[in-house]
Amino acid sequence: MKPSQFRARRSERGMTTAEYTVGTLGACTVGGVLVKIGQSEWFGDLVKDLLDKIPGMIPGL
């Protein structure tokens, strides 16, 4: 195998360290936003209202 072929195959093997860093940072950012939303008062009220309405939506309960 020629060195140029090896480099071409190697570049398609997977993520590099920089790509892992960007992926990890993105995942942490999304997680942080979800935690912040989950801790807000309006989200708690929304979940409570939804859970209170579920029994009325199921026939026979």
C-alpha atoms as a PDB file:
ATOM      1  CA  MET A   1       0.000   0.000   0.000  1.00  0.00           C
ATOM      2  CA  LYS A   2       1.342   3.437  -0.923  1.00  0.00           C
ATOM      3  CA  PRO A   3       1.777   6.036   1.867  1.00  0.00           C
ATOM      4  CA  SER A   4      -0.812   8.286   0.227  1.00  0.00           C
ATOM      5  CA  GLN A   5      -3.370   5.456   0.310  1.00  0.00           C
ATOM      6  CA  PHE A   6      -2.614   4.827   3.985  1.00  0.00           C
ATOM      7  CA  ARG A   7      -3.226   8.488   4.850  1.00  0.00           C
ATOM      8  CA  ALA A   8      -6.515   8.482   2.962  1.00  0.00           C
ATOM      9  CA  ARG A   9      -7.755   5.386   4.797  1.00  0.00           C
ATOM     10  CA  ARG A  10      -6.482   6.634   8.138  1.00  0.00           C
ATOM     11  CA  SER A  11      -8.413   9.899   7.841  1.00  0.00           C
ATOM     12  CA  GLU A  12     -11.680   7.950   7.552  1.00  0.00           C
ATOM     13  CA  ARG A  13     -11.119   5.686  10.550  1.00  0.00           C
ATOM     14  CA  GLY A  14     -12.937   7.760  13.140  1.00  0.00           C
ATOM     15  CA  MET A  15     -12.953  10.973  15.068  1.00  0.00           C
ATOM     16  CA  THR A  16      -9.761  12.772  15.948  1.00  0.00           C
ATOM     17  CA  THR A  17      -9.072  14.328  19.314  1.00  0.00           C
ATOM     18  CA  ALA A  18     -10.386  17.700  18.152  1.00  0.00           C
ATOM     19  CA  GLU A  19     -13.619  16.127  16.916  1.00  0.00           C
ATOM     20  CA  TYR A  20     -14.058  14.323  20.234  1.00  0.00           C
ATOM     21  CA  THR A  21     -13.547  17.636  22.011  1.00  0.00           C
ATOM     22  CA  VAL A  22     -16.163  19.416  19.915  1.00  0.00           C
ATOM     23  CA  GLY A  23     -18.604  16.509  20.286  1.00  0.00           C
ATOM     24  CA  THR A  24     -18.116  16.365  24.052  1.00  0.00           C
ATOM     25  CA  LEU A  25     -18.502  20.120  24.389  1.00  0.00           C
ATOM     26  CA  GLY A  26     -21.700  20.028  22.340  1.00  0.00           C
ATOM     27  CA  ALA A  27     -23.147  17.191  24.423  1.00  0.00           C
ATOM     28  CA  CYS A  28     -22.307  18.992  27.668  1.00  0.00           C
ATOM     29  CA  THR A  29     -23.896  22.190  26.390  1.00  0.00           C
ATOM     30  CA  VAL A  30     -27.128  20.424  25.455  1.00  0.00           C
ATOM     31  CA  GLY A  31     -27.139  18.632  28.820  1.00  0.00           C
ATOM     32  CA  GLY A  32     -26.627  21.898  30.682  1.00  0.00           C
ATOM     33  CA  VAL A  33     -29.487  23.559  28.831  1.00  0.00           C
ATOM     34  CA  LEU A  34     -31.785  20.622  29.594  1.00  0.00           C
ATOM     35  CA  VAL A  35     -30.855  20.714  33.297  1.00  0.00           C
ATOM     36  CA  LYS A  36     -31.493  24.449  33.440  1.00  0.00           C
ATOM     37  CA  ILE A  37     -34.891  24.047  31.755  1.00  0.00           C
ATOM     38  CA  GLY A  38     -35.763  21.143  34.055  1.00  0.00           C
ATOM     39  CA  GLN A  39     -35.041  23.259  37.124  1.00  0.00           C
ATOM     40  CA  SER A  40     -37.264  26.142  36.044  1.00  0.00           C
ATOM     41  CA  GLU A  41     -40.582  26.688  37.778  1.00  0.00           C
ATOM     42  CA  TRP A  42     -42.664  26.810  34.582  1.00  0.00           C
ATOM     43  CA  PHE A  43     -41.346  23.426  33.467  1.00  0.00           C
ATOM     44  CA  GLY A  44     -42.295  21.876  36.818  1.00  0.00           C
ATOM     45  CA  ASP A  45     -45.786  23.355  36.512  1.00  0.00           C
ATOM     46  CA  LEU A  46     -46.057  22.042  32.949  1.00  0.00           C
ATOM     47  CA  VAL A  47     -45.136  18.492  34.006  1.00  0.00           C
ATOM     48  CA  LYS A  48     -47.523  18.631  36.978  1.00  0.00           C
ATOM     49  CA  ASP A  49     -50.412  19.819  34.781  1.00  0.00           C
ATOM     50  CA  LEU A  50     -49.662  17.105  32.239  1.00  0.00           C
ATOM     51  CA  LEU A  51     -49.621  14.385  34.891  1.00  0.00           C
ATOM     52  CA  ASP A  52     -52.891  15.692  36.359  1.00  0.00           C
ATOM     53  CA  LYS A  53     -54.599  15.503  32.933  1.00  0.00           C
ATOM     54  CA  ILE A  54     -53.471  11.969  32.031  1.00  0.00           C
ATOM     55  CA  PRO A  55     -56.133  10.105  34.112  1.00  0.00           C
ATOM     56  CA  GLY A  56     -58.899  12.112  32.428  1.00  0.00           C
ATOM     57  CA  MET A  57     -57.588  11.191  28.988  1.00  0.00           C
ATOM     58  CA  ILE A  58     -57.684   7.421  29.587  1.00  0.00           C
ATOM     59  CA  PRO A  59     -61.162   5.943  29.302  1.00  0.00           C
ATOM     60  CA  GLY A  60     -62.219   3.739  32.186  1.00  0.00           C
ATOM     61  CA  LEU A  61     -60.169   5.447  34.917  1.00  0.00           C
END
